[in-house]
Protein backbone atom coordinates (compact mmCIF):
# COMPACT_ATOMS: atom_id res chain seq x y z
CA MET A 1 10.12 -7.75 -10.87
CA LYS A 2 6.69 -6.04 -10.95
CA VAL A 3 6.21 -2.37 -10.98
CA GLY A 4 3.49 -0.36 -8.92
CA LEU A 5 2.39 3.09 -9.09
CA GLN A 6 1.60 5.14 -5.97
CA ILE A 7 -0.09 8.49 -6.25
CA PRO A 8 0.99 10.64 -3.31
CA ASN A 9 0.14 14.10 -4.68
CA PHE A 10 -3.27 15.61 -5.87
CA THR A 11 -2.35 19.18 -6.24
CA TRP A 12 -2.46 19.28 -10.05
CA PRO A 13 -2.30 22.24 -12.30
CA ASN A 14 -6.00 22.23 -13.33
CA GLY A 15 -7.16 22.08 -9.70
CA PRO A 16 -9.94 20.07 -7.94
CA ALA A 17 -12.50 20.56 -10.61
CA ALA A 18 -10.34 18.45 -13.14
CA LEU A 19 -9.14 15.96 -10.57
CA GLY A 20 -11.68 13.38 -11.10
CA SER A 21 -11.22 13.09 -14.94
CA GLU A 22 -7.44 13.32 -14.61
CA LEU A 23 -7.22 10.80 -11.89
CA ALA A 24 -9.38 8.39 -13.96
CA ALA A 25 -7.14 8.83 -16.93
CA VAL A 26 -3.97 8.27 -14.88
CA ALA A 27 -5.39 5.00 -13.38
CA SER A 28 -6.64 3.63 -16.57
CA THR A 29 -3.27 4.44 -18.40
CA ALA A 30 -1.29 2.74 -15.64
CA ASP A 31 -3.58 -0.16 -15.77
CA ARG A 32 -3.27 -0.69 -19.50
CA ALA A 33 0.47 0.01 -19.32
CA GLY A 34 0.97 -2.96 -16.95
CA PHE A 35 1.46 -1.56 -13.61
CA GLU A 36 0.92 -4.28 -11.02
CA TYR A 37 -0.42 -1.96 -8.29
CA VAL A 38 -2.20 1.34 -8.17
CA ALA A 39 -1.86 2.71 -4.60
CA VAL A 40 -2.59 5.81 -2.75
CA MET A 41 -1.52 7.21 0.63
CA ASP A 42 -3.82 7.04 3.55
CA HIS A 43 -3.47 10.49 4.77
CA PHE A 44 -5.84 13.42 5.36
CA PHE A 45 -3.25 16.20 5.24
CA GLN A 46 -0.43 16.30 2.68
CA ILE A 47 2.85 14.93 4.33
CA ARG A 48 6.24 16.48 4.60
CA GLY A 49 8.48 15.55 1.70
CA VAL A 50 5.70 15.81 -0.72
CA GLY A 51 4.26 19.27 -0.10
CA PRO A 52 2.71 21.50 2.53
CA SER A 53 -0.07 20.24 4.68
CA GLU A 54 -2.57 22.53 2.92
CA ASN A 55 -2.11 20.80 -0.32
CA ASP A 56 -4.91 18.67 -1.80
CA MET A 57 -5.46 15.24 -0.13
CA LEU A 58 -8.24 12.67 -0.91
CA GLU A 59 -9.61 10.19 1.56
CA ALA A 60 -7.97 6.85 0.54
CA TYR A 61 -10.64 4.20 0.46
CA THR A 62 -13.30 6.45 -1.37
CA THR A 63 -10.46 7.09 -3.90
CA LEU A 64 -9.65 3.44 -4.28
CA GLY A 65 -13.29 2.65 -4.92
CA PHE A 66 -13.23 5.32 -7.74
CA LEU A 67 -9.96 3.77 -9.18
CA ALA A 68 -11.52 0.37 -9.04
CA ALA A 69 -14.17 1.59 -11.60
CA HIS A 70 -11.29 2.86 -13.93
CA THR A 71 -9.05 -0.11 -13.88
CA GLU A 72 -9.47 -3.79 -14.71
CA ARG A 73 -6.36 -5.64 -13.59
CA ALA A 74 -4.11 -3.62 -11.31
CA LYS A 75 -4.37 -4.49 -7.68
CA LEU A 76 -5.51 -1.70 -5.35
CA LEU A 77 -4.07 -0.59 -1.91
CA THR A 78 -3.07 2.03 0.30
CA LEU A 79 0.53 2.75 1.25
CA ILE A 80 -0.18 2.65 4.12
CA THR A 81 -3.21 2.71 6.42
CA GLY A 82 -2.40 3.91 9.89
CA ILE A 83 -4.04 1.64 12.34
CA HIS A 84 -5.58 4.50 14.54
CA TYR A 85 -7.48 5.95 11.50
CA ARG A 86 -10.29 3.39 11.52
CA GLU A 87 -11.82 0.84 13.80
CA PRO A 88 -10.92 -2.50 12.67
CA GLY A 89 -14.52 -3.56 11.80
CA LEU A 90 -14.86 -0.40 9.50
CA LEU A 91 -11.46 -1.19 8.00
CA ALA A 92 -12.48 -4.70 7.35
CA LYS A 93 -15.68 -3.61 5.63
CA ALA A 94 -13.93 -0.94 3.43
CA VAL A 95 -11.30 -3.43 2.23
CA THR A 96 -13.89 -6.28 1.66
CA THR A 97 -16.09 -3.75 -0.20
CA LEU A 98 -13.18 -2.66 -2.42
CA ASP A 99 -12.30 -6.44 -3.09
CA VAL A 100 -15.89 -7.30 -4.05
CA LEU A 101 -16.52 -4.32 -6.30
CA SER A 102 -12.95 -4.57 -7.96
CA GLY A 103 -13.52 -8.29 -8.73
CA GLY A 104 -10.79 -9.42 -6.10
CA ARG A 105 -8.10 -6.87 -6.50
CA ALA A 106 -7.93 -5.40 -2.95
CA ILE A 107 -4.78 -5.52 -0.86
CA LEU A 108 -4.83 -4.27 2.74
CA GLY A 109 -1.79 -2.04 3.39
CA ILE A 110 -1.38 -1.44 7.13
CA GLY A 111 1.01 -0.12 9.63
CA ALA A 112 1.41 1.60 12.84
CA GLY A 113 0.90 5.20 11.40
CA TRP A 114 2.97 8.17 12.34
CA ASN A 115 1.49 11.51 11.33
CA GLU A 116 0.61 13.30 14.62
CA GLU A 117 -0.19 16.58 12.89
CA GLU A 118 -3.16 15.44 10.84
CA SER A 119 -4.38 13.27 13.78
CA ARG A 120 -4.31 16.25 16.20
CA GLY A 121 -5.73 18.54 13.57
CA LEU A 122 -8.80 16.39 12.73
CA GLY A 123 -9.37 15.05 16.23
CA PHE A 124 -8.26 11.43 15.55
CA PRO A 125 -6.88 9.55 18.64
CA PHE A 126 -3.01 9.44 18.46
CA PRO A 127 -1.95 6.72 21.04
CA SER A 128 1.56 6.17 22.05
CA THR A 129 3.90 4.28 19.57
CA SER A 130 3.67 1.13 21.87
CA GLU A 131 -0.07 1.21 21.79
CA ARG A 132 -0.35 1.67 18.15
CA PHE A 133 1.65 -1.44 17.65
CA GLU A 134 -0.47 -3.30 20.17
CA ARG A 135 -3.67 -2.02 18.29
CA LEU A 136 -2.00 -3.16 14.90
CA GLU A 137 -1.49 -6.72 16.07
CA GLU A 138 -4.95 -7.01 17.67
CA ALA A 139 -6.54 -5.62 14.51
CA LEU A 140 -4.63 -8.13 12.38
CA HIS A 141 -6.19 -10.89 14.55
CA TYR A 142 -9.54 -9.18 14.07
CA LEU A 143 -9.15 -8.91 10.33
CA LEU A 144 -7.96 -12.51 9.95
CA GLN A 145 -11.20 -13.69 11.80
CA MET A 146 -13.43 -11.30 9.77
CA TRP A 147 -12.12 -12.91 6.57
CA SER A 148 -12.57 -16.43 7.87
CA ASP A 149 -15.74 -18.58 8.33
CA ASP A 150 -15.77 -17.57 12.06
CA ASP A 151 -18.37 -14.96 12.60
CA GLY A 152 -18.34 -15.34 16.38
CA PRO A 153 -17.45 -12.72 18.87
CA PHE A 154 -14.03 -11.05 19.34
CA ALA A 155 -12.66 -10.02 22.59
CA GLY A 156 -9.39 -7.98 22.56
CA ARG A 157 -7.87 -5.26 24.71
CA PHE A 158 -9.09 -2.36 22.44
CA THR A 159 -12.02 -4.00 20.67
CA GLN A 160 -14.82 -6.11 21.87
CA ALA A 161 -17.38 -7.22 19.30
CA GLU A 162 -20.30 -9.60 19.50
CA ARG A 163 -20.45 -11.00 15.98
CA LEU A 164 -17.85 -10.54 13.13
CA LEU A 165 -20.28 -10.92 10.35
CA ASN A 166 -18.86 -9.95 7.01
CA SER A 167 -21.37 -10.26 4.23
CA PRO A 168 -20.49 -10.40 1.38
CA GLN A 169 -17.31 -12.04 2.02
CA ALA A 170 -14.22 -10.93 0.07
CA LEU A 171 -13.66 -12.48 -3.29
CA SER A 172 -9.95 -12.78 -2.83
CA ARG A 173 -8.84 -16.37 -1.68
CA PRO A 174 -8.15 -17.22 1.00
CA ARG A 175 -8.56 -13.53 1.78
CA PRO A 176 -7.33 -10.18 0.69
CA PRO A 177 -3.46 -10.07 0.92
CA ILE A 178 -1.93 -8.25 3.72
CA MET A 179 1.04 -5.79 3.25
CA ILE A 180 2.55 -4.49 6.39
CA GLY A 181 4.58 -1.19 5.81
CA GLY A 182 7.66 0.02 7.51
CA GLY A 183 11.13 -1.27 8.45
CA GLY A 184 11.04 -1.28 12.23
CA GLU A 185 13.25 -4.20 13.23
CA LYS A 186 11.83 -5.25 16.50
CA LYS A 187 8.06 -4.91 15.97
CA THR A 188 7.21 -4.18 12.32
CA LEU A 189 9.34 -6.80 10.69
CA ARG A 190 8.28 -9.31 13.35
CA LEU A 191 4.65 -8.67 12.40
CA VAL A 192 5.44 -8.99 8.77
CA ALA A 193 6.92 -12.49 9.46
CA GLN A 194 3.90 -13.51 11.56
CA TYR A 195 1.00 -12.17 9.65
CA ALA A 196 1.78 -10.50 6.35
CA ASP A 197 1.95 -11.59 2.71
CA SER A 198 4.15 -8.72 1.79
CA CYS A 199 6.38 -5.99 3.29
CA ASN A 200 7.06 -2.54 2.00
CA LEU A 201 10.49 -0.98 2.69
CA PHE A 202 11.87 2.41 1.89
CA GLN A 203 15.28 3.09 0.25
CA GLY A 204 18.17 3.94 2.54
CA PRO A 205 21.58 2.52 3.67
CA GLN A 206 19.88 -0.08 5.91
CA LEU A 207 17.63 -1.51 3.17
CA LEU A 208 19.46 -4.93 2.65
CA HIS A 209 19.99 -5.22 6.32
CA LYS A 210 16.15 -4.89 6.71
CA LEU A 211 15.75 -8.01 4.55
CA ASP A 212 18.31 -9.85 6.77
CA VAL A 213 16.20 -8.93 9.92
CA LEU A 214 13.06 -10.07 8.25
CA ARG A 215 14.69 -13.41 7.42
CA ARG A 216 15.72 -13.92 10.97
CA HIS A 217 12.08 -13.11 12.12
CA CYS A 218 10.90 -15.70 9.55
CA ASP A 219 13.27 -18.24 11.11
CA ASP A 220 12.11 -17.47 14.65
CA VAL A 221 8.37 -17.92 13.86
CA GLY A 222 8.80 -20.86 11.41
CA ARG A 223 7.70 -18.81 8.40
CA ASP A 224 9.17 -19.36 4.88
CA TYR A 225 10.98 -16.24 4.02
CA ASP A 226 10.39 -16.80 0.31
CA ASP A 227 6.59 -16.73 0.74
CA ILE A 228 6.62 -13.05 1.59
CA THR A 229 6.63 -10.65 -1.19
CA LYS A 230 9.22 -8.03 -0.87
CA THR A 231 8.33 -4.60 -2.11
CA VAL A 232 10.34 -1.43 -1.92
CA TYR A 233 9.41 2.13 -2.49
CA HIS A 234 11.24 3.68 -5.43
CA VAL A 235 10.48 6.71 -7.39
CA LEU A 236 9.64 5.84 -11.00
CA ASP A 237 11.36 8.79 -12.73
CA VAL A 238 12.10 8.38 -16.61
CA GLY A 239 12.76 12.12 -16.96
CA GLU A 240 10.97 14.76 -18.69
CA ASN A 241 11.52 13.33 -22.11
CA GLY A 242 12.57 9.79 -21.23
CA GLU A 243 16.17 10.36 -20.88
CA ARG A 244 16.28 8.53 -17.56
CA THR A 245 14.50 5.37 -18.80
CA GLN A 246 17.67 3.17 -18.99
CA GLN A 247 18.75 4.42 -15.58
CA LEU A 248 15.43 3.54 -14.14
CA ILE A 249 15.68 0.04 -15.65
CA ASP A 250 19.17 -0.25 -14.10
CA GLU A 251 18.01 0.84 -10.74
CA LEU A 252 15.12 -1.64 -10.72
CA GLY A 253 17.43 -4.44 -11.95
CA GLN A 254 19.75 -3.84 -8.98
CA LEU A 255 16.83 -3.96 -6.55
CA ALA A 256 15.71 -7.30 -8.22
CA ASP A 257 19.26 -8.55 -7.72
CA HIS A 258 18.87 -7.80 -3.96
CA GLY A 259 15.79 -9.90 -3.78
CA PHE A 260 12.90 -7.49 -4.17
CA ASP A 261 9.89 -8.69 -6.08
CA VAL A 262 8.04 -5.27 -6.57
CA ALA A 263 9.15 -1.71 -6.86
CA VAL A 264 6.31 0.69 -6.15
CA GLY A 265 6.53 4.39 -6.23
CA SER A 266 5.45 7.76 -7.60
CA VAL A 267 5.87 9.11 -11.13
CA PRO A 268 6.94 12.75 -10.65
CA THR A 269 5.19 14.24 -13.66
CA LEU A 270 1.59 13.29 -13.07
CA PRO A 271 -1.01 13.96 -14.28
CA ARG A 272 0.94 13.60 -17.64
CA LEU A 273 0.17 10.32 -19.12
CA ASP A 274 3.28 9.89 -21.35
CA PRO A 275 5.60 8.88 -18.65
CA LEU A 276 3.16 6.07 -17.65
CA GLU A 277 3.01 4.90 -21.20
CA ARG A 278 6.86 5.04 -21.53
CA ILE A 279 7.19 3.06 -18.40
CA GLY A 280 4.76 0.51 -19.83
CA ALA A 281 6.40 0.26 -23.08
CA ASP A 282 10.09 0.50 -22.20
CA VAL A 283 10.54 -0.33 -18.56
CA ILE A 284 8.06 -2.93 -17.44
CA PRO A 285 8.92 -5.47 -20.25
CA GLN A 286 12.41 -5.28 -19.31
CA VAL A 287 12.11 -5.71 -15.56
CA GLU A 288 9.47 -8.36 -15.65
CA LYS A 289 12.35 -10.65 -17.08
CA LEU A 290 14.37 -10.18 -13.95
């Protein structure tokens, strides 16, 4: 099993003036420690469950570009870009640019989106759930063409484009991997089976059931279930002084036994670096054997 870091909170004790240097230190420490992914949320307001809307939030792709300059090996992605935030051409160029400048380390994390508050607040369109899923599937077709040799036109319901030119093309081969986030059984997991290289699921009583649903969708579309990387969101908490280290190893071991390949989540005590170092020294070497 691999371990990935997600950074969902930028309201740190030293404030915005120190955020650049502290974020650079967090990313470079995680990279050296062996985290497979470094991820950020794609939100503009802070989300419920993490903090009040007014807390600090950075734009995702600008941040990932910054993180690319302070890492060497970790893969870089959002958990998860809402489809309604960017037109597919802009999204394709942003992820391609990240891939080129990071030396081929970009992953596209994408989903239908959900945060109506920030969309209404900033004036983003917020279509119905059904339309967002339609836009998501169409955008996946658009992106796959953009990352192919076909620079011809694109005619969809929501996007009409005359030439999908993408120069420079992404370094990742055959293209940047696609992660679709969410556990919706009828639509999201079907899209994972059809288009994605990995899924991202959240902990809950239905977690293993979601894997069964994904397997059935793979059977329906003729996809090898084992080709999909299964990732799960899991808080990476080793405790204030490392007292939860073995508990975290055991939790990740159980997830690996259930068939998950990657656990990605937040480390509660950031911007402290010692928990990242402890995970790198004591947790990652153990779980990578699983």
